């Protein structure tokens, strides 16, 4: 787990390094790739759909799981829902903190004649993508608590779709998406570690391989 978190932090540091003044070539790669993906009229309902599901699913899924667990007095489902919810909360806090520190402008604001956003009303900072970090935190948590390919594969396909949608819709740079995925994955693993420290019997309540 520590190695994975280190890899995620390395990816995050690499993305942040793209913002330094001496990395103009890397920044050119970032915007050039975005322009190849982002059309002049990003009107695809498919990618709009992926993007719009990130926050409702990330918050709604563990909430529904928790409500179901409480009604059925299912302690295992309750533990799983709390782990996913904890990952979402931790990732949200980390994402917003990094946004404040990095303070990166949205690509369509820096390149108004080259990047065409689907929704130019999003005024939040660009790095990392909150949609992507939440999606990958949710997908990673699901893979940790279920260990079933038919849960893990669709979850990461959905999270990857959210990542691509943020590029297609012109809302983020590729490095924002990579950073968001790294924060989400690291957040899920960090949350698991934290819950085990705070509640030693947490592992016993989960079905793990």
Protein backbone atom coordinates (compact mmCIF):
# COMPACT_ATOMS: atom_id res chain seq x y z
CA UNK A 1 0.00 0.00 0.00
CA UNK A 2 2.82 2.41 0.86
CA UNK A 3 4.41 1.85 -2.56
CA UNK A 4 1.14 2.58 -4.32
CA UNK A 5 0.64 5.77 -2.33
CA UNK A 6 4.22 6.78 -3.17
CA UNK A 7 3.52 6.21 -6.87
CA UNK A 8 0.38 8.36 -6.65
CA UNK A 9 2.26 11.12 -4.87
CA UNK A 10 5.03 10.93 -7.48
CA UNK A 11 2.44 11.33 -10.25
CA UNK A 12 0.95 14.29 -8.40
CA UNK A 13 4.36 15.93 -7.96
CA UNK A 14 5.11 15.40 -11.67
CA UNK A 15 1.86 17.12 -12.63
CA UNK A 16 2.58 20.04 -10.31
CA UNK A 17 6.11 20.28 -11.76
CA UNK A 18 4.55 21.01 -15.15
CA UNK A 19 3.52 24.39 -13.76
CA UNK A 20 7.04 25.59 -13.03
CA UNK A 21 8.45 28.30 -15.34
CA UNK A 22 11.22 26.06 -16.66
CA UNK A 23 8.85 23.36 -17.89
CA UNK A 24 7.38 25.14 -20.94
CA UNK A 25 7.79 22.10 -23.21
CA UNK A 26 5.87 19.93 -20.78
CA UNK A 27 3.17 22.57 -20.51
CA UNK A 28 2.95 22.67 -24.31
CA UNK A 29 2.41 18.91 -24.31
CA UNK A 30 -0.36 19.39 -21.75
CA UNK A 31 -2.31 21.93 -23.78
CA UNK A 32 -1.55 20.29 -27.13
CA UNK A 33 -3.06 16.98 -26.00
CA UNK A 34 -6.09 18.76 -24.59
CA UNK A 35 -6.70 20.54 -27.91
CA UNK A 36 -6.62 17.19 -29.72
CA UNK A 37 -9.34 15.79 -27.44
CA UNK A 38 -11.51 18.88 -26.92
CA UNK A 39 -13.71 19.65 -29.96
CA UNK A 40 -14.86 23.15 -30.89
CA UNK A 41 -18.41 22.19 -29.89
CA UNK A 42 -18.26 19.57 -27.10
CA UNK A 43 -21.90 18.56 -27.25
CA UNK A 44 -21.69 14.79 -26.77
CA UNK A 45 -24.35 13.64 -24.32
CA UNK A 46 -22.25 10.55 -23.53
CA UNK A 47 -19.34 12.53 -22.08
CA UNK A 48 -21.64 15.06 -20.47
CA UNK A 49 -23.33 12.11 -18.80
CA UNK A 50 -20.07 10.65 -17.51
CA UNK A 51 -19.02 14.01 -16.11
CA UNK A 52 -22.35 14.70 -14.43
CA UNK A 53 -22.38 11.34 -12.59
CA UNK A 54 -19.09 11.80 -10.72
CA UNK A 55 -20.31 13.66 -7.67
CA UNK A 56 -23.82 12.10 -7.35
CA UNK A 57 -22.45 8.56 -7.52
CA UNK A 58 -19.49 9.25 -5.23
CA UNK A 59 -21.77 10.68 -2.55
CA UNK A 60 -25.01 8.84 -3.30
CA UNK A 61 -23.62 5.30 -3.51
CA UNK A 62 -22.18 5.11 0.03
CA UNK A 63 -25.20 7.00 1.38
CA UNK A 64 -27.63 4.47 -0.12
CA UNK A 65 -25.43 1.58 1.06
CA UNK A 66 -25.38 3.01 4.59
CA UNK A 67 -29.14 3.56 4.66
CA UNK A 68 -29.74 0.00 3.43
CA UNK A 69 -27.31 -1.37 6.02
CA UNK A 70 -29.05 0.49 8.83
CA UNK A 71 -32.48 -0.74 7.76
CA UNK A 72 -31.32 -4.35 7.42
CA UNK A 73 -28.91 -4.23 10.37
CA UNK A 74 -26.14 -5.40 8.05
CA UNK A 75 -22.82 -4.70 9.81
CA UNK A 76 -20.70 -5.77 6.83
CA UNK A 77 -22.51 -3.47 4.40
CA UNK A 78 -22.29 -0.68 6.98
CA UNK A 79 -18.50 -1.11 7.21
CA UNK A 80 -18.18 -1.07 3.43
CA UNK A 81 -20.33 2.03 3.06
CA UNK A 82 -18.38 3.88 5.75
CA UNK A 83 -15.09 3.00 4.09
CA UNK A 84 -16.26 4.37 0.73
CA UNK A 85 -17.72 7.46 2.39
CA UNK A 86 -14.50 8.03 4.32
CA UNK A 87 -12.50 7.85 1.09
CA UNK A 88 -14.77 10.41 -0.54
CA UNK A 89 -14.49 12.82 2.40
CA UNK A 90 -10.71 12.49 2.71
CA UNK A 91 -10.22 12.86 -1.03
CA UNK A 92 -12.48 15.93 -1.15
CA UNK A 93 -10.46 17.64 1.59
CA UNK A 94 -7.15 16.77 -0.10
CA UNK A 95 -8.39 17.89 -3.51
CA UNK A 96 -9.60 21.28 -2.29
CA UNK A 97 -6.38 21.84 -0.33
CA UNK A 98 -4.24 21.10 -3.39
CA UNK A 99 -6.40 23.36 -5.56
CA UNK A 100 -5.75 26.25 -3.16
CA UNK A 101 -2.00 25.60 -3.01
CA UNK A 102 -1.47 25.06 -6.76
CA UNK A 103 -3.95 27.78 -7.80
CA UNK A 104 -4.00 26.76 -11.46
CA UNK A 105 -6.28 28.58 -13.88
CA UNK A 106 -8.76 26.62 -15.98
CA UNK A 107 -7.48 25.91 -19.52
CA UNK A 108 -10.37 27.70 -21.22
CA UNK A 109 -9.57 30.84 -19.26
CA UNK A 110 -5.88 30.78 -20.11
CA UNK A 111 -6.49 29.77 -23.74
CA UNK A 112 -9.93 31.24 -24.55
CA UNK A 113 -9.41 31.00 -28.31
CA UNK A 114 -8.05 27.44 -28.27
CA UNK A 115 -10.06 25.53 -25.65
CA UNK A 116 -13.84 25.29 -25.91
CA UNK A 117 -15.60 24.45 -22.62
CA UNK A 118 -18.99 22.86 -22.38
CA UNK A 119 -19.71 24.92 -19.28
CA UNK A 120 -17.64 28.07 -18.75
CA UNK A 121 -19.40 28.79 -15.45
CA UNK A 122 -17.12 26.45 -13.51
CA UNK A 123 -14.89 28.94 -11.73
CA UNK A 124 -12.99 26.57 -9.46
CA UNK A 125 -9.26 26.02 -9.83
CA UNK A 126 -8.02 23.46 -12.29
CA UNK A 127 -5.58 21.10 -10.55
CA UNK A 128 -6.51 18.49 -9.56
CA UNK A 129 -9.86 17.65 -11.11
CA UNK A 130 -12.40 17.13 -8.31
CA UNK A 131 -14.67 15.05 -10.55
CA UNK A 132 -11.81 12.69 -11.34
CA UNK A 133 -10.45 12.45 -7.80
CA UNK A 134 -13.89 11.56 -6.43
CA UNK A 135 -14.53 9.03 -9.19
CA UNK A 136 -11.22 7.25 -8.64
CA UNK A 137 -11.60 7.35 -4.85
CA UNK A 138 -14.97 5.65 -5.23
CA UNK A 139 -13.72 3.09 -7.74
CA UNK A 140 -10.66 2.25 -5.64
CA UNK A 141 -12.71 1.89 -2.46
CA UNK A 142 -15.14 -0.43 -4.22
CA UNK A 143 -12.25 -2.58 -5.40
CA UNK A 144 -10.85 -2.70 -1.85
CA UNK A 145 -14.07 -3.75 -0.13
CA UNK A 146 -15.41 -6.18 -2.75
CA UNK A 147 -12.45 -7.73 -4.61
CA UNK A 148 -14.76 -8.80 -7.45
CA UNK A 149 -13.82 -8.17 -11.07
CA UNK A 150 -17.44 -7.45 -11.99
CA UNK A 151 -17.37 -4.61 -9.46
CA UNK A 152 -13.80 -3.39 -9.98
CA UNK A 153 -13.75 -3.33 -13.80
CA UNK A 154 -16.99 -1.34 -14.31
CA UNK A 155 -15.98 1.01 -11.49
CA UNK A 156 -12.66 1.89 -13.09
CA UNK A 157 -14.17 2.08 -16.59
CA UNK A 158 -16.63 4.62 -15.20
CA UNK A 159 -13.87 6.56 -13.41
CA UNK A 160 -11.73 6.60 -16.57
CA UNK A 161 -14.76 7.80 -18.53
CA UNK A 162 -15.15 10.67 -16.07
CA UNK A 163 -11.49 11.54 -16.60
CA UNK A 164 -11.80 11.57 -20.38
CA UNK A 165 -15.02 13.58 -20.19
CA UNK A 166 -13.26 16.40 -18.34
CA UNK A 167 -10.83 16.68 -21.26
CA UNK A 168 -13.48 16.34 -23.94
CA UNK A 169 -15.57 19.05 -22.28
CA UNK A 170 -12.56 21.35 -22.06
CA UNK A 171 -12.71 21.69 -18.28
CA UNK A 172 -9.23 20.41 -17.37
CA UNK A 173 -5.72 19.76 -18.64
CA UNK A 174 -4.52 16.15 -18.96
CA UNK A 175 -2.21 16.71 -15.99
CA UNK A 176 -5.23 17.81 -13.91
CA UNK A 177 -6.90 14.49 -14.70
CA UNK A 178 -3.77 12.46 -13.89
CA UNK A 179 -3.38 14.36 -10.63
CA UNK A 180 -7.04 13.82 -9.80
CA UNK A 181 -6.74 10.07 -10.36
CA UNK A 182 -3.60 9.95 -8.20
CA UNK A 183 -5.27 11.88 -5.37
CA UNK A 184 -8.37 9.66 -5.52
CA UNK A 185 -6.44 6.39 -5.45
CA UNK A 186 -4.09 7.59 -2.70
CA UNK A 187 -7.06 8.94 -0.74
CA UNK A 188 -8.82 5.58 -0.78
CA UNK A 189 -5.74 3.71 0.44
CA UNK A 190 -4.91 6.37 3.03
CA UNK A 191 -8.48 6.20 4.32
CA UNK A 192 -8.26 2.42 4.71
CA UNK A 193 -5.02 2.76 6.65
CA UNK A 194 -6.52 5.49 8.84
CA UNK A 195 -9.66 3.52 9.62
CA UNK A 196 -7.62 0.49 10.64
CA UNK A 197 -5.61 2.66 13.02
CA UNK A 198 -8.70 4.28 14.54
CA UNK A 199 -10.84 1.14 14.59
CA UNK A 200 -8.61 -1.98 14.87
CA UNK A 201 -11.55 -4.32 14.31
CA UNK A 202 -12.32 -2.67 10.94
CA UNK A 203 -10.45 -5.34 8.98
CA UNK A 204 -12.31 -8.09 10.77
CA UNK A 205 -15.64 -6.67 9.65
CA UNK A 206 -14.66 -6.72 5.98
CA UNK A 207 -14.34 -9.70 3.67
CA UNK A 208 -10.79 -9.41 2.42
CA UNK A 209 -8.53 -11.61 0.37
